[in-house]
Amino acid sequence: MPRSQAPRTQSRPPGAISPGGPLALDHVQVAAPPGCEAAARAFYAELLGLAEREKPAVLRDRGGAWFALAGGTALHVGVVESGFAPAAKAHPALRTQDERDLRTLAERLGRAGAPVSWQEPLPGVTARFFTEDPWGNRLELLC
């Protein structure tokens, strides 16, 4: 085969991780204002049903709260001391395996006064909606 027709291979820089390699999501963090802990527990633990995780001692003085997600991942609520602004576009997407559970969450959030905006499903998604946490951070819930 002439050199100009040889198949091209993508080369990676030295030390690059292969696509689909060993990286996995450990946690996602949403920002919140100081004094957010009670509202974080009410929203993420009571309304969404997430179990709170104990923060490491070295981080406890910073405030906020951590919550466990399925698969060993976590959602961290981190305190922003000044200049807090909610994430109106960027968002975590939380998945449940059961559409009934998703609809139950939507009803529970709506009764609590949180916005619930159903959206068209995407490929591989049965149903989905957006809501906001107590500080206006956007969240997507889907199954």
N, C-alpha and C. Protein backbone atom coordinates (compact mmCIF):
# COMPACT_ATOMS: atom_id res chain seq x y z
N MET A 1 0.85 -1.17 0.00
CA MET A 1 0.00 0.00 0.00
C MET A 1 0.90 1.24 0.00
N PRO A 2 0.66 2.16 -0.92
CA PRO A 2 1.48 3.37 -0.93
C PRO A 2 1.33 4.13 0.38
N ARG A 3 2.38 4.82 0.74
CA ARG A 3 2.42 5.56 2.00
C ARG A 3 1.24 6.52 2.15
N SER A 4 0.81 7.18 1.08
CA SER A 4 -0.28 8.15 1.17
C SER A 4 -1.62 7.48 1.45
N GLN A 5 -1.71 6.17 1.24
CA GLN A 5 -2.98 5.48 1.47
C GLN A 5 -2.98 4.63 2.74
N ALA A 6 -1.93 4.68 3.50
CA ALA A 6 -1.86 3.89 4.73
C ALA A 6 -2.92 4.38 5.71
N PRO A 7 -3.54 3.45 6.45
CA PRO A 7 -4.55 3.87 7.42
C PRO A 7 -3.93 4.80 8.47
N ARG A 8 -4.70 5.78 8.85
CA ARG A 8 -4.22 6.73 9.84
C ARG A 8 -4.61 6.24 11.24
N THR A 9 -3.71 6.33 12.13
CA THR A 9 -4.00 5.99 13.53
C THR A 9 -3.89 7.26 14.34
N GLN A 10 -4.75 7.36 15.32
CA GLN A 10 -4.66 8.52 16.19
C GLN A 10 -3.60 8.26 17.23
N SER A 11 -2.72 9.20 17.36
CA SER A 11 -1.72 9.05 18.41
C SER A 11 -2.14 9.91 19.59
N ARG A 12 -1.82 9.42 20.76
CA ARG A 12 -2.13 10.17 21.98
C ARG A 12 -0.83 10.71 22.54
N PRO A 13 -0.93 11.84 23.19
CA PRO A 13 0.26 12.37 23.85
C PRO A 13 0.75 11.39 24.90
N PRO A 14 2.03 11.39 25.19
CA PRO A 14 2.55 10.49 26.23
C PRO A 14 1.81 10.71 27.55
N GLY A 15 1.41 9.63 28.18
CA GLY A 15 0.71 9.70 29.46
C GLY A 15 -0.78 9.92 29.35
N ALA A 16 -1.32 10.03 28.13
CA ALA A 16 -2.75 10.25 27.96
C ALA A 16 -3.51 8.99 28.35
N ILE A 17 -4.71 9.19 28.85
CA ILE A 17 -5.56 8.07 29.23
C ILE A 17 -6.41 7.69 28.03
N SER A 18 -6.56 6.40 27.81
CA SER A 18 -7.33 5.95 26.66
C SER A 18 -8.80 6.27 26.83
N PRO A 19 -9.52 6.50 25.70
CA PRO A 19 -10.95 6.77 25.80
C PRO A 19 -11.67 5.63 26.52
N GLY A 20 -12.58 5.98 27.41
CA GLY A 20 -13.28 4.96 28.18
C GLY A 20 -12.38 4.33 29.22
N GLY A 21 -11.26 4.98 29.48
CA GLY A 21 -10.24 4.45 30.38
C GLY A 21 -10.67 4.46 31.83
N PRO A 22 -9.71 4.56 32.72
CA PRO A 22 -9.99 4.33 34.14
C PRO A 22 -10.67 5.46 34.88
N LEU A 23 -11.01 6.54 34.21
CA LEU A 23 -11.68 7.63 34.92
C LEU A 23 -13.17 7.34 35.11
N ALA A 24 -13.66 7.67 36.29
CA ALA A 24 -15.09 7.53 36.60
C ALA A 24 -15.49 8.71 37.46
N LEU A 25 -16.75 9.05 37.45
CA LEU A 25 -17.22 10.16 38.26
C LEU A 25 -17.23 9.75 39.72
N ASP A 26 -16.56 10.54 40.56
CA ASP A 26 -16.52 10.30 41.99
C ASP A 26 -17.61 11.10 42.70
N HIS A 27 -17.70 12.38 42.37
CA HIS A 27 -18.73 13.23 42.96
C HIS A 27 -18.98 14.44 42.07
N VAL A 28 -20.08 15.09 42.34
CA VAL A 28 -20.40 16.36 41.70
C VAL A 28 -20.69 17.32 42.84
N GLN A 29 -20.34 18.59 42.65
CA GLN A 29 -20.59 19.57 43.69
C GLN A 29 -21.49 20.67 43.17
N VAL A 30 -22.47 21.04 43.98
CA VAL A 30 -23.29 22.21 43.70
C VAL A 30 -22.95 23.25 44.76
N ALA A 31 -23.03 24.50 44.38
CA ALA A 31 -22.68 25.59 45.28
C ALA A 31 -23.91 26.05 46.06
N ALA A 32 -23.65 26.57 47.25
CA ALA A 32 -24.72 27.08 48.09
C ALA A 32 -24.16 28.21 48.96
N PRO A 33 -25.02 29.08 49.45
CA PRO A 33 -24.56 30.18 50.31
C PRO A 33 -24.27 29.68 51.73
N PRO A 34 -23.56 30.49 52.51
CA PRO A 34 -23.32 30.12 53.92
C PRO A 34 -24.63 29.87 54.65
N GLY A 35 -24.60 28.94 55.61
CA GLY A 35 -25.78 28.63 56.40
C GLY A 35 -26.77 27.72 55.69
N CYS A 36 -26.32 27.03 54.66
CA CYS A 36 -27.19 26.22 53.80
C CYS A 36 -27.51 24.83 54.33
N GLU A 37 -26.85 24.39 55.38
CA GLU A 37 -26.90 22.99 55.77
C GLU A 37 -28.30 22.46 56.06
N ALA A 38 -29.12 23.18 56.80
CA ALA A 38 -30.47 22.69 57.12
C ALA A 38 -31.31 22.55 55.85
N ALA A 39 -31.23 23.54 54.97
CA ALA A 39 -31.98 23.48 53.71
C ALA A 39 -31.44 22.37 52.81
N ALA A 40 -30.13 22.14 52.84
CA ALA A 40 -29.54 21.06 52.05
C ALA A 40 -30.08 19.71 52.52
N ARG A 41 -30.13 19.52 53.81
CA ARG A 41 -30.64 18.25 54.36
C ARG A 41 -32.14 18.09 54.04
N ALA A 42 -32.89 19.17 54.16
CA ALA A 42 -34.33 19.09 53.87
C ALA A 42 -34.57 18.74 52.40
N PHE A 43 -33.81 19.33 51.50
CA PHE A 43 -34.02 19.10 50.07
C PHE A 43 -33.40 17.77 49.62
N TYR A 44 -32.11 17.61 49.82
CA TYR A 44 -31.42 16.44 49.27
C TYR A 44 -31.70 15.15 50.04
N ALA A 45 -31.81 15.23 51.36
CA ALA A 45 -32.08 14.01 52.13
C ALA A 45 -33.58 13.73 52.23
N GLU A 46 -34.35 14.71 52.67
CA GLU A 46 -35.78 14.46 52.90
C GLU A 46 -36.59 14.38 51.61
N LEU A 47 -36.41 15.34 50.70
CA LEU A 47 -37.21 15.33 49.47
C LEU A 47 -36.69 14.33 48.44
N LEU A 48 -35.39 14.33 48.19
CA LEU A 48 -34.85 13.42 47.18
C LEU A 48 -34.51 12.04 47.74
N GLY A 49 -34.40 11.91 49.05
CA GLY A 49 -34.16 10.61 49.66
C GLY A 49 -32.70 10.16 49.65
N LEU A 50 -31.76 11.10 49.53
CA LEU A 50 -30.34 10.74 49.54
C LEU A 50 -29.84 10.62 50.97
N ALA A 51 -28.99 9.65 51.21
CA ALA A 51 -28.40 9.48 52.54
C ALA A 51 -27.23 10.45 52.69
N GLU A 52 -27.19 11.12 53.83
CA GLU A 52 -26.07 12.04 54.08
C GLU A 52 -24.82 11.25 54.41
N ARG A 53 -23.69 11.69 53.87
CA ARG A 53 -22.38 11.10 54.17
C ARG A 53 -21.65 12.06 55.12
N GLU A 54 -20.90 11.50 56.02
CA GLU A 54 -20.11 12.34 56.91
C GLU A 54 -18.94 12.93 56.14
N LYS A 55 -18.76 14.23 56.31
CA LYS A 55 -17.62 14.90 55.68
C LYS A 55 -16.36 14.58 56.47
N PRO A 56 -15.23 14.48 55.79
CA PRO A 56 -13.98 14.29 56.54
C PRO A 56 -13.74 15.44 57.52
N ALA A 57 -13.15 15.13 58.67
CA ALA A 57 -12.94 16.12 59.72
C ALA A 57 -12.24 17.37 59.20
N VAL A 58 -11.30 17.20 58.30
CA VAL A 58 -10.52 18.33 57.79
C VAL A 58 -11.39 19.30 56.98
N LEU A 59 -12.55 18.87 56.50
CA LEU A 59 -13.42 19.72 55.69
C LEU A 59 -14.66 20.22 56.41
N ARG A 60 -14.94 19.73 57.59
CA ARG A 60 -16.19 20.06 58.28
C ARG A 60 -16.36 21.54 58.56
N ASP A 61 -15.28 22.24 58.88
CA ASP A 61 -15.38 23.67 59.21
C ASP A 61 -15.77 24.52 58.01
N ARG A 62 -15.71 23.97 56.81
CA ARG A 62 -16.05 24.73 55.60
C ARG A 62 -17.57 24.78 55.37
N GLY A 63 -18.33 23.99 56.13
CA GLY A 63 -19.77 23.96 55.96
C GLY A 63 -20.19 23.09 54.80
N GLY A 64 -21.47 23.14 54.48
CA GLY A 64 -22.00 22.31 53.41
C GLY A 64 -22.36 20.93 53.91
N ALA A 65 -22.68 20.05 52.98
CA ALA A 65 -23.08 18.69 53.32
C ALA A 65 -22.81 17.78 52.13
N TRP A 66 -22.58 16.51 52.40
CA TRP A 66 -22.34 15.52 51.36
C TRP A 66 -23.45 14.47 51.40
N PHE A 67 -23.84 13.99 50.21
CA PHE A 67 -24.89 12.99 50.10
C PHE A 67 -24.45 11.87 49.17
N ALA A 68 -24.83 10.64 49.52
CA ALA A 68 -24.45 9.46 48.74
C ALA A 68 -25.40 9.28 47.56
N LEU A 69 -24.82 8.89 46.43
CA LEU A 69 -25.59 8.50 45.25
C LEU A 69 -25.31 7.03 44.97
N ALA A 70 -26.13 6.41 44.17
CA ALA A 70 -25.93 5.00 43.82
C ALA A 70 -24.58 4.83 43.14
N GLY A 71 -24.00 3.65 43.27
CA GLY A 71 -22.75 3.35 42.58
C GLY A 71 -21.52 3.91 43.26
N GLY A 72 -21.66 4.41 44.48
CA GLY A 72 -20.50 4.91 45.20
C GLY A 72 -20.14 6.35 44.90
N THR A 73 -20.92 7.03 44.10
CA THR A 73 -20.66 8.45 43.82
C THR A 73 -21.36 9.31 44.86
N ALA A 74 -21.12 10.61 44.80
CA ALA A 74 -21.69 11.50 45.81
C ALA A 74 -22.05 12.84 45.21
N LEU A 75 -22.93 13.53 45.90
CA LEU A 75 -23.28 14.91 45.59
C LEU A 75 -22.85 15.74 46.79
N HIS A 76 -21.99 16.72 46.55
CA HIS A 76 -21.51 17.61 47.60
C HIS A 76 -22.19 18.96 47.47
N VAL A 77 -22.68 19.48 48.56
CA VAL A 77 -23.16 20.86 48.61
C VAL A 77 -22.03 21.65 49.26
N GLY A 78 -21.41 22.53 48.48
CA GLY A 78 -20.27 23.29 48.95
C GLY A 78 -20.62 24.75 49.16
N VAL A 79 -20.13 25.32 50.24
CA VAL A 79 -20.43 26.70 50.59
C VAL A 79 -19.52 27.66 49.83
N VAL A 80 -20.14 28.66 49.21
CA VAL A 80 -19.42 29.75 48.56
C VAL A 80 -19.55 30.95 49.49
N GLU A 81 -18.43 31.39 50.03
CA GLU A 81 -18.45 32.45 51.04
C GLU A 81 -18.91 33.80 50.51
N SER A 82 -18.52 34.15 49.28
CA SER A 82 -18.95 35.43 48.73
C SER A 82 -19.19 35.27 47.24
N GLY A 83 -20.11 36.05 46.74
CA GLY A 83 -20.38 36.03 45.32
C GLY A 83 -21.14 34.80 44.86
N PHE A 84 -21.93 34.18 45.73
CA PHE A 84 -22.68 33.00 45.33
C PHE A 84 -23.66 33.33 44.21
N ALA A 85 -23.70 32.48 43.20
CA ALA A 85 -24.70 32.56 42.14
C ALA A 85 -25.08 31.13 41.78
N PRO A 86 -26.37 30.82 41.69
CA PRO A 86 -26.77 29.45 41.36
C PRO A 86 -26.40 29.10 39.92
N ALA A 87 -26.22 27.82 39.68
CA ALA A 87 -25.95 27.33 38.33
C ALA A 87 -27.28 27.19 37.60
N ALA A 88 -27.53 28.07 36.64
CA ALA A 88 -28.81 28.07 35.93
C ALA A 88 -28.79 27.15 34.72
N LYS A 89 -27.62 26.83 34.18
CA LYS A 89 -27.52 25.96 33.00
C LYS A 89 -26.79 24.66 33.36
N ALA A 90 -25.59 24.79 33.91
CA ALA A 90 -24.83 23.60 34.33
C ALA A 90 -25.63 22.87 35.40
N HIS A 91 -25.61 21.54 35.37
CA HIS A 91 -26.42 20.80 36.33
C HIS A 91 -25.99 19.35 36.43
N PRO A 92 -26.18 18.75 37.60
CA PRO A 92 -26.05 17.29 37.69
C PRO A 92 -27.37 16.67 37.22
N ALA A 93 -27.28 15.49 36.66
CA ALA A 93 -28.46 14.72 36.28
C ALA A 93 -28.49 13.48 37.15
N LEU A 94 -29.56 13.31 37.89
CA LEU A 94 -29.71 12.18 38.80
C LEU A 94 -30.69 11.19 38.19
N ARG A 95 -30.28 9.93 38.10
CA ARG A 95 -31.08 8.91 37.42
C ARG A 95 -31.65 7.91 38.42
N THR A 96 -32.92 7.59 38.21
CA THR A 96 -33.56 6.48 38.91
C THR A 96 -33.87 5.41 37.86
N GLN A 97 -34.00 4.19 38.28
CA GLN A 97 -34.26 3.10 37.34
C GLN A 97 -35.75 2.90 37.09
N ASP A 98 -36.60 3.53 37.87
CA ASP A 98 -38.03 3.26 37.83
C ASP A 98 -38.81 4.54 37.54
N GLU A 99 -39.64 4.54 36.53
CA GLU A 99 -40.42 5.73 36.18
C GLU A 99 -41.39 6.11 37.30
N ARG A 100 -41.95 5.13 38.00
CA ARG A 100 -42.84 5.45 39.11
C ARG A 100 -42.10 6.24 40.19
N ASP A 101 -40.84 5.84 40.45
CA ASP A 101 -40.04 6.58 41.44
C ASP A 101 -39.79 8.00 40.96
N LEU A 102 -39.52 8.17 39.68
CA LEU A 102 -39.29 9.50 39.12
C LEU A 102 -40.53 10.37 39.28
N ARG A 103 -41.68 9.81 38.96
CA ARG A 103 -42.93 10.57 39.08
C ARG A 103 -43.27 10.89 40.54
N THR A 104 -42.95 9.96 41.44
CA THR A 104 -43.14 10.21 42.87
C THR A 104 -42.25 11.36 43.33
N LEU A 105 -41.00 11.38 42.87
CA LEU A 105 -40.10 12.49 43.22
C LEU A 105 -40.65 13.81 42.70
N ALA A 106 -41.13 13.82 41.46
CA ALA A 106 -41.68 15.05 40.88
C ALA A 106 -42.87 15.54 41.71
N GLU A 107 -43.75 14.65 42.12
CA GLU A 107 -44.91 15.04 42.93
C GLU A 107 -44.46 15.58 44.29
N ARG A 108 -43.51 14.89 44.92
CA ARG A 108 -43.01 15.32 46.22
C ARG A 108 -42.37 16.71 46.12
N LEU A 109 -41.56 16.93 45.09
CA LEU A 109 -40.92 18.23 44.90
C LEU A 109 -41.96 19.32 44.65
N GLY A 110 -42.94 19.03 43.80
CA GLY A 110 -43.99 20.00 43.51
C GLY A 110 -44.78 20.39 44.75
N ARG A 111 -45.13 19.39 45.57
CA ARG A 111 -45.86 19.68 46.81
C ARG A 111 -45.05 20.55 47.75
N ALA A 112 -43.71 20.41 47.69
CA ALA A 112 -42.82 21.19 48.56
C ALA A 112 -42.55 22.58 47.99
N GLY A 113 -43.07 22.87 46.80
CA GLY A 113 -42.89 24.19 46.22
C GLY A 113 -41.73 24.31 45.25
N ALA A 114 -41.05 23.22 44.98
CA ALA A 114 -39.94 23.25 44.01
C ALA A 114 -40.52 23.21 42.60
N PRO A 115 -39.90 23.90 41.66
CA PRO A 115 -40.38 23.84 40.28
C PRO A 115 -40.16 22.45 39.68
N VAL A 116 -41.07 22.01 38.86
CA VAL A 116 -40.94 20.74 38.14
C VAL A 116 -41.30 21.03 36.69
N SER A 117 -40.32 20.89 35.81
CA SER A 117 -40.51 21.16 34.40
C SER A 117 -40.17 19.91 33.59
N TRP A 118 -41.21 19.20 33.15
CA TRP A 118 -41.00 17.99 32.36
C TRP A 118 -40.48 18.37 30.97
N GLN A 119 -39.56 17.57 30.47
CA GLN A 119 -38.95 17.80 29.16
C GLN A 119 -39.10 16.54 28.31
N GLU A 120 -38.96 16.70 27.01
CA GLU A 120 -39.00 15.55 26.11
C GLU A 120 -37.86 14.60 26.46
N PRO A 121 -38.11 13.30 26.48
CA PRO A 121 -37.03 12.35 26.76
C PRO A 121 -35.98 12.39 25.65
N LEU A 122 -34.77 12.07 26.02
CA LEU A 122 -33.67 11.94 25.08
C LEU A 122 -33.50 10.47 24.74
N PRO A 123 -32.71 10.12 23.73
CA PRO A 123 -32.47 8.69 23.46
C PRO A 123 -31.94 7.99 24.71
N GLY A 124 -32.49 6.85 25.00
CA GLY A 124 -32.07 6.08 26.17
C GLY A 124 -32.69 6.54 27.48
N VAL A 125 -33.60 7.52 27.41
CA VAL A 125 -34.25 8.07 28.60
C VAL A 125 -35.76 7.90 28.44
N THR A 126 -36.41 7.38 29.47
CA THR A 126 -37.86 7.18 29.44
C THR A 126 -38.61 8.47 29.74
N ALA A 127 -38.17 9.18 30.77
CA ALA A 127 -38.81 10.42 31.19
C ALA A 127 -37.78 11.26 31.93
N ARG A 128 -37.99 12.60 31.91
CA ARG A 128 -37.07 13.48 32.63
C ARG A 128 -37.74 14.81 32.93
N PHE A 129 -37.24 15.43 34.01
CA PHE A 129 -37.69 16.77 34.37
C PHE A 129 -36.55 17.53 35.01
N PHE A 130 -36.70 18.85 35.04
CA PHE A 130 -35.76 19.72 35.72
C PHE A 130 -36.43 20.31 36.94
N THR A 131 -35.62 20.58 37.96
CA THR A 131 -36.07 21.25 39.16
C THR A 131 -34.93 22.14 39.63
N GLU A 132 -35.12 22.78 40.77
CA GLU A 132 -34.08 23.62 41.37
C GLU A 132 -33.98 23.28 42.84
N ASP A 133 -32.75 23.34 43.35
CA ASP A 133 -32.56 23.16 44.79
C ASP A 133 -32.94 24.47 45.49
N PRO A 134 -32.86 24.54 46.81
CA PRO A 134 -33.32 25.74 47.52
C PRO A 134 -32.61 27.04 47.13
N TRP A 135 -31.46 26.95 46.48
CA TRP A 135 -30.69 28.15 46.12
C TRP A 135 -30.74 28.45 44.63
N GLY A 136 -31.55 27.69 43.87
CA GLY A 136 -31.71 27.95 42.45
C GLY A 136 -30.80 27.18 41.53
N ASN A 137 -30.01 26.23 42.05
CA ASN A 137 -29.18 25.39 41.19
C ASN A 137 -30.07 24.45 40.40
N ARG A 138 -29.81 24.32 39.13
CA ARG A 138 -30.60 23.46 38.23
C ARG A 138 -30.22 21.99 38.45
N LEU A 139 -31.22 21.13 38.51
CA LEU A 139 -31.02 19.68 38.64
C LEU A 139 -31.92 18.99 37.61
N GLU A 140 -31.39 17.95 36.99
CA GLU A 140 -32.19 17.13 36.08
C GLU A 140 -32.40 15.79 36.75
N LEU A 141 -33.63 15.28 36.70
CA LEU A 141 -33.92 13.95 37.22
C LEU A 141 -34.51 13.16 36.07
N LEU A 142 -34.05 11.93 35.90
CA LEU A 142 -34.47 11.13 34.75
C LEU A 142 -34.47 9.66 35.06
N CYS A 143 -35.12 8.91 34.17
CA CYS A 143 -35.07 7.45 34.24
C CYS A 143 -35.02 6.92 32.81
